[in-house]
Amino acid sequence: IGMYSYLEIWATDAWQPVRDDIESSEDLARWENL
């Protein structure tokens, strides 16, 4: 995955829950703090 200035390499099964979490629409408030 591209992270703008670097790359990350993940095992497919480890990446999927991370991806699911960041794509969740249930907790959008956490992004407002950025």
All heavy atoms as atom14 arrays in JSON, in Angstrom:
{
  "sequence": "IGMYSYLEIWATDAWQPVRDDIESSEDLARWENL",
  "atom14_mask": [
    [1, 1, 1, 1, 1, 1, 1, 1, 0, 0, 0, 0, 0, 0],
    [1, 1, 1, 1, 0, 0, 0, 0, 0, 0, 0, 0, 0, 0],
    [1, 1, 1, 1, 1, 1, 1, 1, 0, 0, 0, 0, 0, 0],
    [1, 1, 1, 1, 1, 1, 1, 1, 1, 1, 1, 1, 0, 0],
    [1, 1, 1, 1, 1, 1, 0, 0, 0, 0, 0, 0, 0, 0],
    [1, 1, 1, 1, 1, 1, 1, 1, 1, 1, 1, 1, 0, 0],
    [1, 1, 1, 1, 1, 1, 1, 1, 0, 0, 0, 0, 0, 0],
    [1, 1, 1, 1, 1, 1, 1, 1, 1, 0, 0, 0, 0, 0],
    [1, 1, 1, 1, 1, 1, 1, 1, 0, 0, 0, 0, 0, 0],
    [1, 1, 1, 1, 1, 1, 1, 1, 1, 1, 1, 1, 1, 1],
    [1, 1, 1, 1, 1, 0, 0, 0, 0, 0, 0, 0, 0, 0],
    [1, 1, 1, 1, 1, 1, 1, 0, 0, 0, 0, 0, 0, 0],
    [1, 1, 1, 1, 1, 1, 1, 1, 0, 0, 0, 0, 0, 0],
    [1, 1, 1, 1, 1, 0, 0, 0, 0, 0, 0, 0, 0, 0],
    [1, 1, 1, 1, 1, 1, 1, 1, 1, 1, 1, 1, 1, 1],
    [1, 1, 1, 1, 1, 1, 1, 1, 1, 0, 0, 0, 0, 0],
    [1, 1, 1, 1, 1, 1, 1, 0, 0, 0, 0, 0, 0, 0],
    [1, 1, 1, 1, 1, 1, 1, 0, 0, 0, 0, 0, 0, 0],
    [1, 1, 1, 1, 1, 1, 1, 1, 1, 1, 1, 0, 0, 0],
    [1, 1, 1, 1, 1, 1, 1, 1, 0, 0, 0, 0, 0, 0],
    [1, 1, 1, 1, 1, 1, 1, 1, 0, 0, 0, 0, 0, 0],
    [1, 1, 1, 1, 1, 1, 1, 1, 0, 0, 0, 0, 0, 0],
    [1, 1, 1, 1, 1, 1, 1, 1, 1, 0, 0, 0, 0, 0],
    [1, 1, 1, 1, 1, 1, 0, 0, 0, 0, 0, 0, 0, 0],
    [1, 1, 1, 1, 1, 1, 0, 0, 0, 0, 0, 0, 0, 0],
    [1, 1, 1, 1, 1, 1, 1, 1, 1, 0, 0, 0, 0, 0],
    [1, 1, 1, 1, 1, 1, 1, 1, 0, 0, 0, 0, 0, 0],
    [1, 1, 1, 1, 1, 1, 1, 1, 0, 0, 0, 0, 0, 0],
    [1, 1, 1, 1, 1, 0, 0, 0, 0, 0, 0, 0, 0, 0],
    [1, 1, 1, 1, 1, 1, 1, 1, 1, 1, 1, 0, 0, 0],
    [1, 1, 1, 1, 1, 1, 1, 1, 1, 1, 1, 1, 1, 1],
    [1, 1, 1, 1, 1, 1, 1, 1, 1, 0, 0, 0, 0, 0],
    [1, 1, 1, 1, 1, 1, 1, 1, 0, 0, 0, 0, 0, 0],
    [1, 1, 1, 1, 1, 1, 1, 1, 0, 0, 0, 0, 0, 0]
  ],
  "atom14_positions": [
    [[0.84, -1.2, 0.0], [0.0, 0.0, 0.0], [0.87, 1.25, 0.0], [1.89, 1.32, 0.68], [-1.01, 0.02, 1.17], [-0.31, 0.01, 2.51], [-1.97, -1.14, 1.08], [-1.24, 0.33, 3.66], [0.0, 0.0, 0.0], [0.0, 0.0, 0.0], [0.0, 0.0, 0.0], [0.0, 0.0, 0.0], [0.0, 0.0, 0.0], [0.0, 0.0, 0.0]],
    [[0.45, 2.21, -0.8], [1.14, 3.49, -0.86], [0.75, 4.35, 0.33], [-0.43, 4.46, 0.66], [0.0, 0.0, 0.0], [0.0, 0.0, 0.0], [0.0, 0.0, 0.0], [0.0, 0.0, 0.0], [0.0, 0.0, 0.0], [0.0, 0.0, 0.0], [0.0, 0.0, 0.0], [0.0, 0.0, 0.0], [0.0, 0.0, 0.0], [0.0, 0.0, 0.0]],
    [[1.75, 4.94, 0.95], [1.53, 5.81, 2.11], [2.13, 7.19, 1.83], [2.67, 7.83, 2.71], [2.16, 5.19, 3.35], [1.53, 3.87, 3.77], [-0.12, 4.08, 4.42], [0.25, 4.86, 5.97], [0.0, 0.0, 0.0], [0.0, 0.0, 0.0], [0.0, 0.0, 0.0], [0.0, 0.0, 0.0], [0.0, 0.0, 0.0], [0.0, 0.0, 0.0]],
    [[2.04, 7.64, 0.59], [2.53, 8.9, 0.08], [4.06, 8.95, 0.01], [4.61, 8.96, -1.07], [1.98, 10.09, 0.87], [2.38, 11.43, 0.27], [1.82, 11.85, -0.93], [3.33, 12.23, 0.86], [2.19, 13.05, -1.51], [3.72, 13.43, 0.29], [3.14, 13.84, -0.91], [3.53, 15.03, -1.47], [0.0, 0.0, 0.0], [0.0, 0.0, 0.0]],
    [[4.74, 8.97, 1.16], [6.2, 9.09, 1.13], [6.91, 7.75, 1.33], [8.14, 7.69, 1.25], [6.68, 10.09, 2.18], [6.28, 9.67, 3.47], [0.0, 0.0, 0.0], [0.0, 0.0, 0.0], [0.0, 0.0, 0.0], [0.0, 0.0, 0.0], [0.0, 0.0, 0.0], [0.0, 0.0, 0.0], [0.0, 0.0, 0.0], [0.0, 0.0, 0.0]],
    [[6.17, 6.7, 1.6], [6.75, 5.37, 1.77], [5.67, 4.34, 1.44], [4.52, 4.68, 1.18], [7.32, 5.17, 3.17], [6.29, 5.15, 4.29], [5.81, 3.95, 4.79], [5.8, 6.34, 4.84], [4.87, 3.93, 5.81], [4.87, 6.32, 5.85], [4.4, 5.12, 6.34], [3.47, 5.09, 7.35], [0.0, 0.0, 0.0], [0.0, 0.0, 0.0]],
    [[6.07, 3.08, 1.45], [5.16, 1.97, 1.2], [5.05, 1.11, 2.46], [5.98, 1.07, 3.27], [5.68, 1.07, 0.07], [5.81, 1.7, -1.3], [6.61, 0.78, -2.22], [4.45, 1.99, -1.89], [0.0, 0.0, 0.0], [0.0, 0.0, 0.0], [0.0, 0.0, 0.0], [0.0, 0.0, 0.0], [0.0, 0.0, 0.0], [0.0, 0.0, 0.0]],
    [[3.93, 0.43, 2.59], [3.8, -0.61, 3.61], [3.53, -1.93, 2.92], [2.84, -1.98, 1.9], [2.66, -0.29, 4.58], [2.96, 0.86, 5.5], [1.87, 1.12, 6.53], [0.72, 0.62, 6.37], [2.16, 1.83, 7.5], [0.0, 0.0, 0.0], [0.0, 0.0, 0.0], [0.0, 0.0, 0.0], [0.0, 0.0, 0.0], [0.0, 0.0, 0.0]],
    [[4.08, -3.0, 3.48], [3.85, -4.35, 2.99], [3.15, -5.11, 4.11], [3.65, -5.16, 5.23], [5.17, -5.06, 2.61], [5.91, -4.28, 1.53], [4.88, -6.49, 2.17], [7.3, -4.81, 1.23], [0.0, 0.0, 0.0], [0.0, 0.0, 0.0], [0.0, 0.0, 0.0], [0.0, 0.0, 0.0], [0.0, 0.0, 0.0], [0.0, 0.0, 0.0]],
    [[2.0, -5.67, 3.8], [1.18, -6.4, 4.76], [0.89, -7.8, 4.26], [0.73, -8.01, 3.05], [-0.17, -5.7, 4.92], [-0.15, -4.39, 5.62], [0.17, -3.18, 5.08], [-0.5, -4.15, 6.98], [0.05, -2.2, 6.04], [-0.36, -2.77, 7.2], [-0.91, -4.97, 8.03], [-0.62, -2.18, 8.43], [-1.16, -4.38, 9.26], [-1.02, -3.01, 9.46]],
    [[0.76, -8.74, 5.18], [0.18, -10.04, 4.84], [-1.3, -9.77, 4.53], [-1.93, -8.92, 5.17], [0.3, -11.0, 6.02], [0.0, 0.0, 0.0], [0.0, 0.0, 0.0], [0.0, 0.0, 0.0], [0.0, 0.0, 0.0], [0.0, 0.0, 0.0], [0.0, 0.0, 0.0], [0.0, 0.0, 0.0], [0.0, 0.0, 0.0], [0.0, 0.0, 0.0]],
    [[-1.82, -10.44, 3.54], [-3.19, -10.19, 3.09], [-4.19, -10.31, 4.23], [-5.06, -9.45, 4.4], [-3.56, -11.16, 1.96], [-2.6, -11.03, 0.91], [-4.94, -10.86, 1.4], [0.0, 0.0, 0.0], [0.0, 0.0, 0.0], [0.0, 0.0, 0.0], [0.0, 0.0, 0.0], [0.0, 0.0, 0.0], [0.0, 0.0, 0.0], [0.0, 0.0, 0.0]],
    [[-4.07, -11.35, 5.05], [-5.03, -11.55, 6.13], [-4.86, -10.54, 7.25], [-5.81, -10.25, 7.98], [-4.97, -12.98, 6.67], [-3.61, -13.38, 7.2], [-2.61, -12.73, 6.86], [-3.54, -14.34, 7.98], [0.0, 0.0, 0.0], [0.0, 0.0, 0.0], [0.0, 0.0, 0.0], [0.0, 0.0, 0.0], [0.0, 0.0, 0.0], [0.0, 0.0, 0.0]],
    [[-3.68, -9.95, 7.41], [-3.48, -8.91, 8.42], [-4.0, -7.56, 7.92], [-4.49, -6.75, 8.71], [-2.0, -8.8, 8.79], [0.0, 0.0, 0.0], [0.0, 0.0, 0.0], [0.0, 0.0, 0.0], [0.0, 0.0, 0.0], [0.0, 0.0, 0.0], [0.0, 0.0, 0.0], [0.0, 0.0, 0.0], [0.0, 0.0, 0.0], [0.0, 0.0, 0.0]],
    [[-3.88, -7.3, 6.62], [-4.32, -6.03, 6.06], [-5.84, -5.9, 6.05], [-6.38, -4.82, 6.28], [-3.77, -5.85, 4.65], [-4.36, -4.69, 3.91], [-5.1, -4.73, 2.77], [-4.28, -3.3, 4.26], [-5.47, -3.47, 2.39], [-4.98, -2.57, 3.3], [-3.68, -2.61, 5.32], [-5.1, -1.18, 3.34], [-3.8, -1.23, 5.37], [-4.5, -0.53, 4.38]],
    [[-6.54, -6.99, 5.81], [-8.0, -6.9, 5.63], [-8.72, -6.28, 6.82], [-9.54, -5.38, 6.64], [-8.59, -8.27, 5.28], [-10.02, -8.17, 4.8], [-10.18, -7.28, 3.57], [-9.48, -7.43, 2.58], [-11.09, -6.33, 3.64], [0.0, 0.0, 0.0], [0.0, 0.0, 0.0], [0.0, 0.0, 0.0], [0.0, 0.0, 0.0], [0.0, 0.0, 0.0]],
    [[-8.45, -6.69, 8.08], [-9.15, -6.03, 9.19], [-8.77, -4.56, 9.35], [-9.59, -3.73, 9.74], [-8.75, -6.82, 10.43], [-7.76, -7.83, 10.01], [-7.66, -7.83, 8.53], [0.0, 0.0, 0.0], [0.0, 0.0, 0.0], [0.0, 0.0, 0.0], [0.0, 0.0, 0.0], [0.0, 0.0, 0.0], [0.0, 0.0, 0.0], [0.0, 0.0, 0.0]],
    [[-7.53, -4.21, 9.03], [-7.11, -2.8, 9.08], [-7.89, -2.02, 8.03], [-8.43, -0.94, 8.31], [-5.58, -2.67, 8.86], [-5.17, -1.21, 8.75], [-4.82, -3.37, 9.97], [0.0, 0.0, 0.0], [0.0, 0.0, 0.0], [0.0, 0.0, 0.0], [0.0, 0.0, 0.0], [0.0, 0.0, 0.0], [0.0, 0.0, 0.0], [0.0, 0.0, 0.0]],
    [[-7.97, -2.57, 6.85], [-8.72, -1.92, 5.77], [-10.19, -1.78, 6.14], [-10.8, -0.72, 5.92], [-8.56, -2.71, 4.48], [-9.25, -2.06, 3.32], [-9.03, -2.83, 2.06], [-9.61, -2.1, 0.96], [-9.94, -2.65, -0.18], [-9.73, -3.93, -0.38], [-10.46, -1.93, -1.14], [0.0, 0.0, 0.0], [0.0, 0.0, 0.0], [0.0, 0.0, 0.0]],
    [[-10.77, -2.84, 6.68], [-12.18, -2.78, 7.09], [-12.4, -1.68, 8.12], [-13.39, -0.95, 8.06], [-12.63, -4.12, 7.66], [-12.71, -5.21, 6.61], [-12.69, -4.9, 5.4], [-12.76, -6.4, 7.01], [0.0, 0.0, 0.0], [0.0, 0.0, 0.0], [0.0, 0.0, 0.0], [0.0, 0.0, 0.0], [0.0, 0.0, 0.0], [0.0, 0.0, 0.0]],
    [[-11.47, -1.55, 9.05], [-11.6, -0.55, 10.1], [-11.54, 0.87, 9.54], [-12.35, 1.72, 9.9], [-10.51, -0.74, 11.16], [-10.63, 0.26, 12.29], [-11.7, 0.31, 12.93], [-9.65, 1.0, 12.52], [0.0, 0.0, 0.0], [0.0, 0.0, 0.0], [0.0, 0.0, 0.0], [0.0, 0.0, 0.0], [0.0, 0.0, 0.0], [0.0, 0.0, 0.0]],
    [[-10.6, 1.13, 8.65], [-10.47, 2.49, 8.12], [-11.59, 2.85, 7.15], [-11.85, 4.02, 6.92], [-9.09, 2.75, 7.47], [-8.85, 1.81, 6.31], [-7.99, 2.67, 8.5], [-7.55, 2.05, 5.55], [0.0, 0.0, 0.0], [0.0, 0.0, 0.0], [0.0, 0.0, 0.0], [0.0, 0.0, 0.0], [0.0, 0.0, 0.0], [0.0, 0.0, 0.0]],
    [[-12.24, 1.84, 6.6], [-13.35, 2.09, 5.69], [-14.7, 2.1, 6.39], [-15.72, 2.36, 5.76], [-13.34, 1.07, 4.56], [-12.15, 1.25, 3.63], [-12.1, 0.23, 2.51], [-12.92, -0.72, 2.51], [-11.25, 0.39, 1.64], [0.0, 0.0, 0.0], [0.0, 0.0, 0.0], [0.0, 0.0, 0.0], [0.0, 0.0, 0.0], [0.0, 0.0, 0.0]],
    [[-14.7, 1.84, 7.68], [-15.94, 1.83, 8.44], [-16.55, 3.22, 8.5], [-15.88, 4.2, 8.81], [-15.68, 1.31, 9.86], [-16.82, 1.49, 10.65], [0.0, 0.0, 0.0], [0.0, 0.0, 0.0], [0.0, 0.0, 0.0], [0.0, 0.0, 0.0], [0.0, 0.0, 0.0], [0.0, 0.0, 0.0], [0.0, 0.0, 0.0], [0.0, 0.0, 0.0]],
    [[-17.83, 3.31, 8.25], [-18.51, 4.61, 8.34], [-19.11, 4.83, 9.72], [-19.69, 5.87, 9.98], [-19.61, 4.69, 7.27], [-20.58, 3.68, 7.5], [0.0, 0.0, 0.0], [0.0, 0.0, 0.0], [0.0, 0.0, 0.0], [0.0, 0.0, 0.0], [0.0, 0.0, 0.0], [0.0, 0.0, 0.0], [0.0, 0.0, 0.0], [0.0, 0.0, 0.0]],
    [[-18.95, 3.86, 10.62], [-19.54, 3.95, 11.95], [-18.81, 4.93, 12.87], [-19.4, 5.48, 13.79], [-19.57, 2.57, 12.61], [-20.46, 1.59, 11.88], [-20.37, 0.2, 12.46], [-19.76, 0.02, 13.54], [-20.91, -0.72, 11.83], [0.0, 0.0, 0.0], [0.0, 0.0, 0.0], [0.0, 0.0, 0.0], [0.0, 0.0, 0.0], [0.0, 0.0, 0.0]],
    [[-17.54, 5.15, 12.64], [-16.76, 5.95, 13.56], [-16.02, 7.09, 12.85], [-14.83, 7.28, 13.0], [-15.75, 5.05, 14.3], [-15.08, 5.75, 15.45], [-15.59, 6.79, 15.9], [-14.03, 5.27, 15.9], [0.0, 0.0, 0.0], [0.0, 0.0, 0.0], [0.0, 0.0, 0.0], [0.0, 0.0, 0.0], [0.0, 0.0, 0.0], [0.0, 0.0, 0.0]],
    [[-16.73, 7.86, 12.07], [-16.11, 8.94, 11.31], [-15.61, 10.07, 12.2], [-14.75, 10.85, 11.79], [-17.1, 9.5, 10.28], [-17.47, 8.53, 9.14], [-18.48, 9.18, 8.23], [-16.23, 8.11, 8.38], [0.0, 0.0, 0.0], [0.0, 0.0, 0.0], [0.0, 0.0, 0.0], [0.0, 0.0, 0.0], [0.0, 0.0, 0.0], [0.0, 0.0, 0.0]],
    [[-16.11, 10.16, 13.43], [-15.68, 11.23, 14.34], [-14.19, 11.18, 14.62], [-13.57, 12.23, 14.87], [-16.47, 11.17, 15.63], [0.0, 0.0, 0.0], [0.0, 0.0, 0.0], [0.0, 0.0, 0.0], [0.0, 0.0, 0.0], [0.0, 0.0, 0.0], [0.0, 0.0, 0.0], [0.0, 0.0, 0.0], [0.0, 0.0, 0.0], [0.0, 0.0, 0.0]],
    [[-13.58, 10.01, 14.62], [-12.16, 9.91, 14.92], [-11.31, 10.66, 13.89], [-10.22, 11.11, 14.21], [-11.72, 8.46, 15.0], [-11.8, 7.73, 13.68], [-11.4, 6.3, 13.82], [-11.86, 5.55, 12.66], [-11.6, 4.3, 12.45], [-10.89, 3.63, 13.31], [-12.04, 3.71, 11.38], [0.0, 0.0, 0.0], [0.0, 0.0, 0.0], [0.0, 0.0, 0.0]],
    [[-11.79, 10.82, 12.68], [-11.03, 11.54, 11.66], [-11.11, 13.06, 11.84], [-10.24, 13.77, 11.41], [-11.53, 11.17, 10.27], [-11.54, 9.69, 10.02], [-12.64, 8.94, 9.76], [-10.44, 8.78, 10.03], [-12.29, 7.61, 9.61], [-10.94, 7.49, 9.77], [-9.07, 8.93, 10.23], [-10.12, 6.37, 9.7], [-8.26, 7.81, 10.17], [-8.78, 6.55, 9.91]],
    [[-12.14, 13.53, 12.52], [-12.3, 14.96, 12.74], [-11.16, 15.53, 13.59], [-10.82, 16.71, 13.46], [-13.65, 15.26, 13.4], [-14.81, 14.99, 12.48], [-16.16, 15.15, 13.17], [-16.19, 15.65, 14.32], [-17.17, 14.79, 12.58], [0.0, 0.0, 0.0], [0.0, 0.0, 0.0], [0.0, 0.0, 0.0], [0.0, 0.0, 0.0], [0.0, 0.0, 0.0]],
    [[-10.58, 14.74, 14.45], [-9.49, 15.2, 15.32], [-8.2, 15.49, 14.56], [-7.28, 16.08, 15.1], [-9.2, 14.16, 16.41], [-10.37, 14.02, 17.36], [-11.12, 14.96, 17.57], [-10.52, 12.83, 17.91], [0.0, 0.0, 0.0], [0.0, 0.0, 0.0], [0.0, 0.0, 0.0], [0.0, 0.0, 0.0], [0.0, 0.0, 0.0], [0.0, 0.0, 0.0]],
    [[-8.12, 15.07, 13.31], [-6.92, 15.29, 12.5], [-6.83, 16.73, 11.98], [-5.78, 17.16, 11.52], [-6.86, 14.32, 11.33], [-6.73, 12.84, 11.69], [-6.8, 12.0, 10.44], [-5.45, 12.58, 12.45], [0.0, 0.0, 0.0], [0.0, 0.0, 0.0], [0.0, 0.0, 0.0], [0.0, 0.0, 0.0], [0.0, 0.0, 0.0], [0.0, 0.0, 0.0]]
  ]
}
